[in-house]
Amino acid sequence: MNECVAGWMHDADAGCPFTFKKTVGRSHPFGKNVTYGTINNTPEKCKHWCLVRSYCLGVDFSVVTSTCYFLREINDALLVAAPTVNHYEKTRCARLYTTTIAYSPE
């Protein structure tokens, strides 16, 4: 299951210009553990760690061990089934466009 999560206040995610695409029950190989005690031990802290580092392209978070793994490269073909891990890929937000309608009284 993929879902885009965004909004700093709502989900402690980046919001624009970045958001995270969440893939439940999947993990990516080659992640590096960046959890130290209570540092980066929640999904929000883990995603924030990635957000403030330009070289981080995503994170995997184990919901059983509360462990955060950061990723320097992402390849969807390498994602493997991992029932206790959620994969978060850093993505850019799409630009929002608005339409302006001119009003002229008749």
Protein backbone atom coordinates (compact mmCIF):
# COMPACT_ATOMS: atom_id res chain seq x y z
CA MET A 1 0.00 0.00 0.00
CA ASN A 2 1.42 3.38 -1.01
CA GLU A 3 0.22 6.67 0.34
CA CYS A 4 1.61 10.17 0.29
CA VAL A 5 1.85 11.77 3.70
CA ALA A 6 2.40 15.49 3.97
CA GLY A 7 1.84 18.43 6.28
CA TRP A 8 4.27 19.42 8.99
CA MET A 9 1.61 19.92 11.65
CA HIS A 10 -0.48 16.88 10.71
CA ASP A 11 2.10 14.14 10.43
CA ALA A 12 5.41 15.80 11.37
CA ASP A 13 6.39 15.28 7.74
CA ALA A 14 8.21 17.72 5.57
CA GLY A 15 5.31 19.17 3.66
CA CYS A 16 6.40 21.13 0.59
CA PRO A 17 8.94 21.25 -0.95
CA PHE A 18 9.27 17.63 0.23
CA THR A 19 6.84 14.94 1.24
CA PHE A 20 7.28 11.23 1.94
CA LYS A 21 5.71 8.38 -0.02
CA LYS A 22 4.90 5.65 2.49
CA THR A 23 5.03 1.97 1.53
CA VAL A 24 3.71 -0.27 4.30
CA GLY A 25 5.35 -3.64 4.93
CA ARG A 26 8.34 -3.13 2.62
CA SER A 27 11.99 -2.31 3.18
CA HIS A 28 14.94 -1.34 1.02
CA PRO A 29 18.36 -2.98 1.37
CA PHE A 30 21.50 -1.02 2.27
CA GLY A 31 19.94 1.18 4.98
CA LYS A 32 22.17 2.55 7.73
CA ASN A 33 20.92 2.51 11.32
CA VAL A 34 20.66 6.04 12.75
CA THR A 35 18.77 5.18 15.95
CA TYR A 36 20.64 5.89 19.19
CA GLY A 37 18.59 5.31 22.33
CA THR A 38 15.63 7.68 22.02
CA ILE A 39 17.11 9.56 19.03
CA ASN A 40 15.19 8.81 15.80
CA ASN A 41 13.10 6.15 17.53
CA THR A 42 9.73 7.21 16.09
CA PRO A 43 8.60 7.44 12.45
CA GLU A 44 8.34 11.24 12.76
CA LYS A 45 11.86 11.65 14.19
CA CYS A 46 13.20 9.25 11.58
CA LYS A 47 11.62 11.19 8.69
CA HIS A 48 12.78 14.50 10.16
CA TRP A 49 16.36 13.17 10.34
CA CYS A 50 16.13 12.47 6.60
CA LEU A 51 14.42 15.76 5.80
CA VAL A 52 17.28 17.92 7.08
CA ARG A 53 19.94 15.98 5.14
CA SER A 54 20.07 16.53 1.40
CA TYR A 55 21.88 13.23 0.83
CA CYS A 56 19.07 11.23 2.45
CA LEU A 57 16.57 9.96 -0.12
CA GLY A 58 14.41 7.92 2.22
CA VAL A 59 14.15 5.90 5.41
CA ASP A 60 12.90 2.54 6.57
CA PHE A 61 11.35 2.39 10.04
CA SER A 62 10.87 -0.84 11.99
CA VAL A 63 7.69 -0.57 14.07
CA VAL A 64 8.76 -3.53 16.25
CA THR A 65 12.27 -2.40 17.18
CA SER A 66 11.66 1.36 16.73
CA THR A 67 14.73 1.54 14.51
CA CYS A 68 15.40 4.07 11.75
CA TYR A 69 17.50 3.22 8.70
CA PHE A 70 18.44 5.97 6.25
CA LEU A 71 18.95 5.42 2.52
CA ARG A 72 21.25 7.24 0.09
CA GLU A 73 19.68 5.57 -2.92
CA ILE A 74 16.21 4.31 -3.75
CA ASN A 75 15.18 1.70 -6.29
CA ASP A 76 11.59 0.44 -6.11
CA ALA A 77 12.65 -2.83 -7.76
CA LEU A 78 14.77 -3.58 -4.66
CA LEU A 79 11.95 -3.21 -2.12
CA VAL A 80 11.30 -6.51 -0.33
CA ALA A 81 8.48 -7.73 1.90
CA ALA A 82 9.06 -6.80 5.53
CA PRO A 83 5.80 -6.94 7.52
CA THR A 84 7.17 -4.92 10.46
CA VAL A 85 8.84 -2.15 8.42
CA ASN A 86 7.47 0.92 6.68
CA HIS A 87 9.44 2.47 3.85
CA TYR A 88 9.34 6.27 3.36
CA GLU A 89 10.72 7.77 0.16
CA LYS A 90 11.44 11.50 0.10
CA THR A 91 9.70 13.08 -2.90
CA ARG A 92 9.12 16.59 -4.14
CA CYS A 93 5.65 18.11 -3.93
CA ALA A 94 3.84 18.92 -7.12
CA ARG A 95 3.33 22.59 -7.78
CA LEU A 96 -0.22 23.71 -7.11
CA TYR A 97 -1.96 25.78 -9.72
CA THR A 98 -4.94 28.03 -9.15
CA THR A 99 -7.38 29.47 -11.61
CA THR A 100 -8.35 33.12 -11.39
CA ILE A 101 -11.72 34.12 -12.77
CA ALA A 102 -12.19 37.78 -13.58
CA TYR A 103 -15.40 39.26 -12.30
CA SER A 104 -17.03 42.14 -14.05
CA PRO A 105 -20.43 43.45 -12.95
CA GLU A 106 -22.89 43.73 -15.87
